Amino acid sequence: MKRIAILGGGIAGLAAAYELAQLSSKGISIRVELFEASPRLGGIVETIREGGFVIEGGPDGWVSEKPWARELAVELGLEEELIYSNDDQRKTYVLIDGALKAMPDGMRMMVPTDLAALDASELFSDEAKRAFHCEVGRAEELRKAVPEHDESVAEFVRRHFGDEVLTKIGAPLLSGVFGGDVTQLSVRAVMAPFVALEREHGSLIAGLQAREAKATKKTPIFTTLRSGLGALIDRMVAAIPQEWIHLNREANGLERDSQGWLVRTSSGVEHFDAVLLATPLHVARALLEPIDSRSAELMQMDASSAVVVGFGFDDAAKAPVPSGFGFLVPPDSNSLLLACTFMDQKFKDRVPAGGRLLRAFFGGRSAERVLGCGNDEIVAIARMELARILGPLPEPQISVVRRLPFSLPQYAVGHLERMAELDERIRGLGGLWLLGNGYRGVGLPDLIRDARAAVRASC
């Protein structure tokens, strides 16, 4: 019987355990031990359901065009639970000089597909609008100038559109997803589809317009589950043999020997044929340091923290917000917030009848400042910041605070090259797989894809 250890019970570790459970049910002889240091499974994926509100403590959904989360949900019997973003109401605002200004319709990240809507926008100056229009005419120049080496997101966006576009929407958008500094983030790692568009078309605007013209079906941008993403965790846990799961069991040592792997936990040392290492990046790096210092060096990267504050209001009329999905805050704005999502407008079935649900985000240095505060203080800070932007808000019916320390690894320039070398070294060790958001993507679909692929390779 093959013995497999999974270190970490977040979404990646659980997806791996679920895949192994499916193989076991088909008669493959395996024994699995999943060690999770905390008292609960799911990692940053957590749904709080109270008073008719569905509040996500971590991610609120996934990008629909990546199929792997949807495939898993359907396998788990959750197809009827799938719901999609209200894209006909989609509008995102940016805080500029203390006021919310709408991004033009048709924006894909920082790239417009509707230049008429862009021209009518109050968000950009005439100079920035000219830069957008000129980008289309510079298509051949841009295609020929594609660098051979990786570059930062900031360099990439500046080459196409200039500093204003980078500051107003490039930086806040990428900070919200990857928690990083756009002058450090690798464009090839975090914006690969746009890099491919540039190689083919030169102009990102022309490339997106051509792609949309060919599209036969419009896919909703985001997908989630009606009862919350926690349902995905619950269904996976229910499908995993309970004797495999060990909570409050931290892995504090890893060693390679001639017959496999020794895993040391708080309850002793056990021998395994294979290890799926799905801990947070900094924990995985510490475990690998004594085994292969070069691998640990390649895993060295900055990671930013986040703090999520959810507010449920029983009367939307008393907590008015503009129509749309929410707002972003550029780094140089006089606000501690990184963003706010209007959850009841982004997805249906998030609130009781007539209710309102807002999720405020602190990220980067702001998150570090508030991480050590008590919940009441964090709630007060978030309410004050929201009131400065949206106007006075009533006392919420429910408030939820979730701290997500070091939850967003920063894929710095050269990330893909480092990961290629890391993968080669890990393969050389034999019987070890690295899972989680520090390697090949930060979204739920990416983590699920990698976990299931690793299981198939390990068995």
Protein backbone atom coordinates (compact mmCIF):
# COMPACT_ATOMS: atom_id res chain seq x y z
CA MET A 1 0.00 0.00 0.00
CA LYS A 2 1.42 3.37 -1.04
CA ARG A 3 1.56 5.90 1.78
CA ILE A 4 1.06 9.56 0.88
CA ALA A 5 1.29 12.59 3.16
CA ILE A 6 -0.48 15.87 2.47
CA LEU A 7 0.92 18.76 4.48
CA GLY A 8 -1.67 21.54 4.61
CA GLY A 9 -5.46 21.46 4.49
CA GLY A 10 -6.25 24.55 2.45
CA ILE A 11 -7.96 24.39 -0.93
CA ALA A 12 -4.89 22.82 -2.61
CA GLY A 13 -4.37 20.16 0.05
CA LEU A 14 -8.08 19.31 0.16
CA ALA A 15 -8.33 19.06 -3.62
CA ALA A 16 -5.40 16.63 -3.54
CA ALA A 17 -7.01 14.58 -0.77
CA TYR A 18 -10.31 14.51 -2.66
CA GLU A 19 -8.57 13.27 -5.82
CA LEU A 20 -6.80 10.57 -3.82
CA ALA A 21 -10.11 9.55 -2.24
CA GLN A 22 -11.56 9.10 -5.72
CA LEU A 23 -8.64 6.85 -6.69
CA SER A 24 -9.00 4.87 -3.46
CA SER A 25 -12.70 4.30 -4.15
CA LYS A 26 -11.70 2.79 -7.50
CA GLY A 27 -9.54 0.18 -5.79
CA ILE A 28 -6.11 1.79 -5.91
CA SER A 29 -4.24 0.75 -2.77
CA ILE A 30 -3.20 3.97 -0.99
CA ARG A 31 -3.14 5.28 2.54
CA VAL A 32 -3.26 9.06 3.00
CA GLU A 33 -2.56 11.25 6.01
CA LEU A 34 -3.52 14.94 5.77
CA PHE A 35 -1.90 17.12 8.43
CA GLU A 36 -3.38 20.57 9.07
CA ALA A 37 -1.82 22.84 11.70
CA SER A 38 -5.04 24.76 12.46
CA PRO A 39 -8.36 23.50 13.89
CA ARG A 40 -10.21 23.86 10.57
CA LEU A 41 -9.87 22.92 6.90
CA GLY A 42 -10.17 25.21 3.90
CA GLY A 43 -7.43 27.74 4.54
CA ILE A 44 -8.52 31.21 3.42
CA VAL A 45 -11.72 29.80 1.90
CA GLU A 46 -14.44 30.32 4.50
CA THR A 47 -18.10 31.29 4.28
CA ILE A 48 -19.98 32.94 7.14
CA ARG A 49 -23.76 32.51 6.88
CA GLU A 50 -25.74 34.60 9.34
CA GLY A 51 -29.05 36.43 9.28
CA GLY A 52 -29.57 35.70 5.59
CA PHE A 53 -26.14 37.11 4.66
CA VAL A 54 -23.55 35.01 2.79
CA ILE A 55 -20.16 36.55 3.60
CA GLU A 56 -16.90 35.20 2.23
CA GLY A 57 -13.90 35.49 4.54
CA GLY A 58 -11.48 35.02 1.65
CA PRO A 59 -12.04 34.82 -2.12
CA ASP A 60 -15.63 35.47 -3.22
CA GLY A 61 -15.52 33.43 -6.45
CA TRP A 62 -13.33 32.55 -9.38
CA VAL A 63 -12.65 33.68 -12.95
CA SER A 64 -15.14 31.77 -15.10
CA GLU A 65 -12.87 31.23 -18.10
CA LYS A 66 -10.66 28.92 -16.00
CA PRO A 67 -12.66 25.65 -15.95
CA TRP A 68 -11.11 23.65 -13.11
CA ALA A 69 -13.12 25.01 -10.14
CA ARG A 70 -16.39 24.60 -12.02
CA GLU A 71 -15.46 21.03 -13.01
CA LEU A 72 -14.80 20.16 -9.38
CA ALA A 73 -18.04 21.79 -8.22
CA VAL A 74 -20.04 19.77 -10.74
CA GLU A 75 -18.31 16.54 -9.65
CA LEU A 76 -19.25 17.34 -6.06
CA GLY A 77 -22.92 17.70 -6.97
CA LEU A 78 -22.93 21.49 -6.73
CA GLU A 79 -23.97 22.32 -10.30
CA GLU A 80 -27.32 23.74 -9.14
CA GLU A 81 -25.40 25.97 -6.72
CA LEU A 82 -23.38 27.70 -9.44
CA ILE A 83 -24.25 31.36 -9.88
CA TYR A 84 -22.60 34.03 -12.00
CA SER A 85 -21.68 37.68 -11.68
CA ASN A 86 -24.32 40.22 -12.68
CA ASP A 87 -22.26 41.48 -15.61
CA ASP A 88 -25.03 43.71 -16.94
CA GLN A 89 -24.54 45.76 -13.74
CA ARG A 90 -20.76 45.57 -13.86
CA LYS A 91 -19.08 48.87 -13.22
CA THR A 92 -15.94 49.50 -11.24
CA TYR A 93 -14.98 52.82 -9.72
CA VAL A 94 -11.59 54.33 -8.88
CA LEU A 95 -11.04 56.76 -6.04
CA ILE A 96 -9.56 59.91 -7.58
CA ASP A 97 -9.07 63.05 -5.44
CA GLY A 98 -11.57 61.76 -2.89
CA ALA A 99 -14.32 61.02 -5.43
CA LEU A 100 -15.38 57.79 -7.15
CA LYS A 101 -14.99 57.87 -10.92
CA ALA A 102 -16.27 55.01 -13.07
CA MET A 103 -14.00 52.99 -15.30
CA PRO A 104 -15.29 53.06 -18.90
CA ASP A 105 -17.47 50.21 -20.10
CA GLY A 106 -15.59 47.52 -21.98
CA MET A 107 -12.40 47.62 -19.90
CA ARG A 108 -10.49 44.35 -19.51
CA MET A 109 -8.04 45.05 -16.72
CA MET A 110 -6.42 48.28 -17.97
CA VAL A 111 -7.21 47.67 -21.65
CA PRO A 112 -10.30 49.28 -23.27
CA THR A 113 -12.25 47.52 -25.99
CA ASP A 114 -14.74 50.37 -26.52
CA LEU A 115 -12.86 53.55 -27.41
CA ALA A 116 -16.09 55.57 -27.66
CA ALA A 117 -16.89 54.71 -24.04
CA LEU A 118 -13.31 55.59 -23.14
CA ASP A 119 -13.64 59.03 -24.74
CA ALA A 120 -16.80 59.73 -22.73
CA SER A 121 -15.13 58.74 -19.44
CA GLU A 122 -14.23 61.24 -16.73
CA LEU A 123 -11.59 58.92 -15.29
CA PHE A 124 -8.77 59.71 -17.71
CA SER A 125 -7.21 62.94 -18.86
CA ASP A 126 -7.16 63.91 -22.55
CA GLU A 127 -3.49 62.92 -22.62
CA ALA A 128 -4.24 59.40 -21.36
CA LYS A 129 -7.10 59.04 -23.87
CA ARG A 130 -4.71 59.99 -26.67
CA ALA A 131 -2.26 57.38 -25.42
CA PHE A 132 -4.98 54.71 -25.66
CA HIS A 133 -5.90 55.73 -29.21
CA CYS A 134 -2.25 55.91 -30.28
CA GLU A 135 -1.61 52.41 -28.93
CA VAL A 136 -3.71 50.94 -31.74
CA GLY A 137 -1.68 52.77 -34.37
CA ARG A 138 1.59 51.64 -32.77
CA ALA A 139 0.70 47.95 -33.17
CA GLU A 140 3.60 46.98 -35.44
CA GLU A 141 6.10 49.04 -33.45
CA LEU A 142 4.97 47.38 -30.20
CA ARG A 143 5.03 43.88 -31.69
CA LYS A 144 8.58 44.32 -32.93
CA ALA A 145 9.70 45.78 -29.61
CA VAL A 146 8.53 42.83 -27.45
CA PRO A 147 11.48 42.19 -25.10
CA GLU A 148 13.21 38.81 -25.03
CA HIS A 149 13.38 38.95 -21.23
CA ASP A 150 10.71 39.21 -18.55
CA GLU A 151 9.73 42.67 -17.37
CA SER A 152 7.63 44.23 -14.65
CA VAL A 153 3.94 44.97 -15.01
CA ALA A 154 4.80 48.65 -14.66
CA GLU A 155 7.19 48.56 -17.62
CA PHE A 156 4.68 46.65 -19.73
CA VAL A 157 1.77 49.02 -19.04
CA ARG A 158 3.92 52.12 -19.49
CA ARG A 159 5.11 50.91 -22.91
CA HIS A 160 1.51 50.65 -24.07
CA PHE A 161 -0.38 53.39 -22.24
CA GLY A 162 1.83 55.54 -20.02
CA ASP A 163 2.07 56.44 -16.35
CA GLU A 164 -1.44 57.72 -15.76
CA VAL A 165 -3.10 54.44 -16.76
CA LEU A 166 -0.63 52.51 -14.63
CA THR A 167 -1.28 54.66 -11.57
CA LYS A 168 -5.06 54.95 -11.86
CA ILE A 169 -6.04 51.37 -12.71
CA GLY A 170 -3.00 49.17 -13.35
CA ALA A 171 -1.56 49.42 -9.86
CA PRO A 172 -4.83 49.07 -7.87
CA LEU A 173 -6.11 46.20 -10.04
CA LEU A 174 -2.93 44.15 -9.75
CA SER A 175 -2.47 45.00 -6.07
CA GLY A 176 -5.97 43.70 -5.38
CA VAL A 177 -5.33 40.36 -7.06
CA PHE A 178 -1.65 39.71 -6.32
CA GLY A 179 -0.99 42.04 -3.42
CA GLY A 180 2.22 43.19 -5.03
CA ASP A 181 4.11 46.21 -6.24
CA VAL A 182 3.60 46.64 -10.00
CA THR A 183 7.22 47.75 -10.34
CA GLN A 184 8.24 44.29 -9.09
CA LEU A 185 5.51 41.95 -10.38
CA SER A 186 6.40 39.76 -13.38
CA VAL A 187 4.18 40.53 -16.35
CA ARG A 188 4.78 37.07 -17.82
CA ALA A 189 3.64 35.41 -14.59
CA VAL A 190 0.62 37.56 -13.74
CA MET A 191 -0.61 38.84 -17.13
CA ALA A 192 0.29 35.99 -19.49
CA PRO A 193 -2.78 36.40 -21.77
CA PHE A 194 -1.88 40.04 -22.38
CA VAL A 195 1.74 39.13 -23.13
CA ALA A 196 0.44 36.64 -25.70
CA LEU A 197 -1.81 39.32 -27.22
CA GLU A 198 1.16 41.65 -27.55
CA ARG A 199 3.25 39.00 -29.31
CA GLU A 200 0.46 38.34 -31.80
CA HIS A 201 -1.08 41.78 -32.35
CA GLY A 202 1.32 44.33 -30.87
CA SER A 203 -1.64 46.46 -29.76
CA LEU A 204 -3.45 45.07 -26.71
CA ILE A 205 -6.57 47.02 -27.67
CA ALA A 206 -6.61 45.61 -31.21
CA GLY A 207 -5.91 42.12 -29.87
CA LEU A 208 -8.81 42.20 -27.42
CA GLN A 209 -11.16 43.65 -30.02
CA ALA A 210 -10.23 40.86 -32.45
CA ARG A 211 -10.73 38.21 -29.77
CA GLU A 212 -14.14 39.57 -28.78
CA ALA A 213 -15.23 39.76 -32.42
CA LYS A 214 -14.55 36.02 -32.76
CA ALA A 215 -16.31 35.06 -29.53
CA THR A 216 -19.58 33.23 -30.17
CA LYS A 217 -20.70 33.16 -26.56
CA LYS A 218 -20.27 35.70 -23.80
CA THR A 219 -19.00 34.05 -20.63
CA PRO A 220 -19.84 35.61 -17.25
CA ILE A 221 -16.69 37.07 -15.76
CA PHE A 222 -16.99 35.50 -12.30
CA THR A 223 -18.56 32.37 -10.83
CA THR A 224 -19.39 31.48 -7.23
CA LEU A 225 -21.72 29.20 -5.26
CA ARG A 226 -25.14 30.28 -4.02
CA SER A 227 -24.49 29.13 -0.46
CA GLY A 228 -20.88 30.31 -0.54
CA LEU A 229 -17.51 28.83 -1.43
CA GLY A 230 -17.48 27.06 1.91
CA ALA A 231 -19.82 24.51 0.30
CA LEU A 232 -16.92 23.43 -1.93
CA ILE A 233 -14.85 22.74 1.19
CA ASP A 234 -17.71 20.92 2.95
CA ARG A 235 -18.36 18.61 0.00
CA MET A 236 -14.69 17.72 -0.41
CA VAL A 237 -14.30 17.02 3.31
CA ALA A 238 -17.38 14.78 3.21
CA ALA A 239 -15.84 12.79 0.33
CA ILE A 240 -12.52 12.21 2.11
CA PRO A 241 -12.18 9.30 4.59
CA GLN A 242 -12.27 10.95 7.99
CA GLU A 243 -9.45 8.80 9.33
CA TRP A 244 -7.15 10.50 6.80
CA ILE A 245 -7.66 13.95 8.37
CA HIS A 246 -5.56 15.20 11.31
CA LEU A 247 -6.31 18.72 12.57
CA ASN A 248 -4.06 20.68 14.93
CA ARG A 249 -1.11 18.62 13.65
CA GLU A 250 1.67 20.85 12.41
CA ALA A 251 4.39 19.39 10.21
CA ASN A 252 7.67 20.65 11.66
CA GLY A 253 10.23 18.46 9.90
CA LEU A 254 10.81 16.79 6.55
CA GLU A 255 13.62 14.41 5.64
CA ARG A 256 14.53 12.31 2.59
CA ASP A 257 15.91 8.80 3.03
CA SER A 258 16.61 5.85 0.73
CA GLN A 259 13.04 4.57 0.97
CA GLY A 260 11.04 7.78 0.78
CA TRP A 261 10.15 10.63 3.11
CA LEU A 262 10.07 11.07 6.87
CA VAL A 263 7.52 13.58 8.12
CA ARG A 264 7.79 14.87 11.67
CA THR A 265 4.66 16.26 13.32
CA SER A 266 3.72 17.12 16.86
CA SER A 267 2.72 13.48 17.41
CA GLY A 268 5.86 11.83 16.07
CA VAL A 269 7.64 10.73 12.89
CA GLU A 270 6.04 8.75 10.07
CA HIS A 271 7.38 7.30 6.82
CA PHE A 272 5.75 8.04 3.43
CA ASP A 273 6.37 7.12 -0.18
CA ALA A 274 5.29 10.57 -1.41
CA VAL A 275 4.61 14.01 0.05
CA LEU A 276 2.28 16.68 -1.32
CA LEU A 277 3.53 19.88 0.28
CA ALA A 278 0.54 22.26 0.37
CA THR A 279 1.53 24.52 3.26
CA PRO A 280 1.88 28.30 2.96
CA LEU A 281 4.98 29.20 0.98
CA HIS A 282 7.10 30.34 3.93
CA VAL A 283 6.36 27.09 5.80
CA ALA A 284 7.23 24.96 2.76
CA ARG A 285 10.46 26.88 2.31
CA ALA A 286 11.50 26.26 5.93
CA LEU A 287 10.76 22.53 5.60
CA LEU A 288 12.85 22.24 2.43
CA GLU A 289 15.82 24.33 3.58
CA PRO A 290 17.68 21.41 5.27
CA ILE A 291 17.02 19.14 2.26
CA ASP A 292 17.88 21.41 -0.67
CA SER A 293 19.00 24.93 0.09
CA ARG A 294 18.84 25.95 -3.57
CA SER A 295 15.15 25.01 -3.76
CA ALA A 296 14.52 27.03 -0.62
CA GLU A 297 16.38 29.96 -2.19
CA LEU A 298 14.22 29.76 -5.32
CA MET A 299 11.11 29.83 -3.11
CA GLN A 300 12.19 33.06 -1.44
CA MET A 301 9.67 35.75 -2.38
CA ASP A 302 7.78 38.55 -0.73
CA ALA A 303 4.20 37.91 0.35
CA SER A 304 1.67 40.55 1.34
CA SER A 305 -1.11 40.30 3.86
CA ALA A 306 -4.76 41.26 3.64
CA VAL A 307 -7.56 42.04 6.06
CA VAL A 308 -11.17 41.55 4.91
CA VAL A 309 -14.05 43.29 6.69
CA GLY A 310 -17.61 42.36 5.76
CA PHE A 311 -20.60 44.57 6.64
CA GLY A 312 -24.19 43.37 6.35
CA PHE A 313 -26.94 46.04 6.41
CA ASP A 314 -30.60 45.09 6.65
CA ASP A 315 -31.76 48.16 4.66
CA ALA A 316 -29.90 48.93 1.42
CA ALA A 317 -31.62 52.31 1.17
CA LYS A 318 -29.85 53.41 4.35
CA ALA A 319 -26.46 52.26 3.00
CA PRO A 320 -26.52 53.67 -0.55
CA VAL A 321 -23.73 52.84 -3.00
CA PRO A 322 -23.40 53.57 -6.72
CA SER A 323 -24.53 50.90 -9.16
CA GLY A 324 -21.69 48.48 -9.85
CA PHE A 325 -19.33 45.91 -8.38
CA GLY A 326 -17.25 48.19 -6.16
CA PHE A 327 -14.25 50.50 -6.15
CA LEU A 328 -10.45 50.44 -6.20
CA VAL A 329 -8.06 52.73 -4.38
CA PRO A 330 -4.79 53.73 -6.13
CA PRO A 331 -1.68 53.43 -3.93
CA ASP A 332 -1.13 57.20 -3.63
CA SER A 333 -4.69 57.94 -2.44
CA ASN A 334 -5.28 59.23 1.05
CA SER A 335 -7.07 56.09 2.22
CA LEU A 336 -6.05 52.96 4.08
CA LEU A 337 -8.39 50.83 1.96
CA LEU A 338 -7.26 48.84 -1.06
CA ALA A 339 -10.77 48.19 -2.39
CA CYS A 340 -14.41 47.58 -1.54
CA THR A 341 -16.81 45.15 -3.22
CA PHE A 342 -20.58 45.74 -3.35
CA MET A 343 -21.36 42.05 -2.94
CA ASP A 344 -25.15 42.22 -3.26
CA GLN A 345 -24.70 43.87 -6.68
CA LYS A 346 -21.88 41.61 -7.88
CA PHE A 347 -23.74 38.34 -7.14
CA LYS A 348 -27.37 37.54 -6.37
CA ASP A 349 -28.47 35.68 -3.23
CA ARG A 350 -25.86 37.28 -0.95
CA VAL A 351 -28.29 39.14 1.32
CA PRO A 352 -31.78 38.90 2.81
CA ALA A 353 -34.51 40.81 0.97
CA GLY A 354 -33.68 44.51 0.84
CA GLY A 355 -30.23 44.05 2.34
CA ARG A 356 -26.79 45.35 1.46
CA LEU A 357 -23.41 43.59 1.79
CA LEU A 358 -20.07 45.39 1.51
CA ARG A 359 -16.60 43.86 1.77
CA ALA A 360 -13.75 46.24 2.53
CA PHE A 361 -10.13 45.23 1.94
CA PHE A 362 -6.91 46.38 3.53
CA GLY A 363 -3.76 45.25 1.72
CA GLY A 364 -0.01 45.72 1.74
CA ARG A 365 1.27 48.20 4.31
CA SER A 366 -2.25 49.12 5.40
CA ALA A 367 -3.00 45.48 6.18
CA GLU A 368 0.22 45.22 8.17
CA ARG A 369 -0.85 48.27 10.18
CA VAL A 370 -4.25 46.86 11.12
CA LEU A 371 -3.40 43.14 11.48
CA GLY A 372 -2.48 43.57 15.12
CA CYS A 373 -5.63 45.56 15.99
CA GLY A 374 -8.62 44.01 17.71
CA ASN A 375 -11.72 43.23 15.69
CA ASP A 376 -13.68 46.17 17.06
CA GLU A 377 -10.89 48.57 16.14
CA ILE A 378 -10.58 47.14 12.62
CA VAL A 379 -14.35 47.45 12.15
CA ALA A 380 -14.22 51.08 13.31
CA ILE A 381 -11.35 51.91 10.94
CA ALA A 382 -13.10 50.25 8.00
CA ARG A 383 -16.38 52.07 8.72
CA MET A 384 -14.55 55.40 8.96
CA GLU A 385 -12.74 54.83 5.66
CA LEU A 386 -15.93 53.75 3.89
CA ALA A 387 -17.84 56.74 5.27
CA ARG A 388 -15.20 59.11 3.89
CA ILE A 389 -15.73 57.64 0.42
CA LEU A 390 -19.40 56.58 0.33
CA GLY A 391 -20.92 58.90 2.91
CA PRO A 392 -22.36 58.08 6.34
CA LEU A 393 -23.33 54.44 6.90
CA PRO A 394 -25.73 53.07 9.53
CA GLU A 395 -24.81 50.54 12.17
CA PRO A 396 -24.39 47.20 10.36
CA GLN A 397 -26.51 44.23 11.34
CA ILE A 398 -23.44 42.01 11.08
CA SER A 399 -19.68 42.66 10.92
CA VAL A 400 -17.06 40.05 10.05
CA VAL A 401 -13.28 40.46 10.23
CA ARG A 402 -10.82 38.00 8.71
CA ARG A 403 -7.03 38.34 8.80
CA LEU A 404 -5.07 36.76 5.95
CA PRO A 405 -1.37 37.15 6.84
CA PHE A 406 1.20 36.51 4.08
CA SER A 407 -1.60 35.17 1.88
CA LEU A 408 -0.50 36.72 -1.44
CA PRO A 409 2.98 35.72 -2.67
CA GLN A 410 4.45 38.27 -5.05
CA TYR A 411 5.51 36.83 -8.40
CA ALA A 412 8.52 39.04 -9.07
CA VAL A 413 10.23 39.55 -12.44
CA GLY A 414 11.84 36.26 -13.49
CA HIS A 415 9.29 34.18 -11.56
CA LEU A 416 8.63 31.69 -14.37
CA GLU A 417 12.34 31.01 -14.86
CA ARG A 418 12.82 30.44 -11.12
CA MET A 419 9.82 28.11 -11.00
CA ALA A 420 11.18 26.10 -13.95
CA GLU A 421 14.45 25.57 -12.08
CA LEU A 422 12.55 24.79 -8.87
CA ASP A 423 10.38 22.20 -10.62
CA GLU A 424 13.48 20.49 -11.99
CA ARG A 425 15.11 20.32 -8.57
CA ILE A 426 11.95 19.02 -6.90
CA ARG A 427 11.60 16.32 -9.56
CA GLY A 428 15.17 15.31 -8.80
CA LEU A 429 14.30 14.70 -5.17
CA GLY A 430 11.56 12.25 -6.19
CA GLY A 431 8.17 11.72 -4.56
CA LEU A 432 7.61 15.39 -3.68
CA TRP A 433 5.12 17.92 -5.11
CA LEU A 434 4.70 21.61 -4.25
CA LEU A 435 1.12 22.88 -4.14
CA GLY A 436 -0.36 26.27 -3.31
CA ASN A 437 -0.45 29.84 -4.52
CA GLY A 438 3.28 30.50 -4.49
CA TYR A 439 4.12 28.70 -7.72
CA ARG A 440 1.79 28.59 -10.74
CA GLY A 441 -1.19 30.84 -10.00
CA VAL A 442 -3.13 32.33 -7.10
CA GLY A 443 -6.77 31.67 -8.08
CA LEU A 444 -8.91 28.77 -6.87
CA PRO A 445 -9.00 27.14 -10.34
CA ASP A 446 -5.19 27.20 -10.55
CA LEU A 447 -4.80 25.56 -7.14
CA ILE A 448 -7.37 22.88 -7.93
CA ARG A 449 -5.80 22.13 -11.34
CA ASP A 450 -2.30 21.73 -9.87
CA ALA A 451 -3.43 19.61 -6.93
CA ARG A 452 -5.34 17.12 -9.04
CA ALA A 453 -2.53 16.91 -11.60
CA ALA A 454 0.01 16.25 -8.84
CA VAL A 455 -2.06 13.38 -7.47
CA ARG A 456 -2.31 11.75 -10.88
CA ALA A 457 1.46 12.05 -11.27
CA SER A 458 2.15 10.67 -7.79
CA CYS A 459 0.01 7.57 -8.27
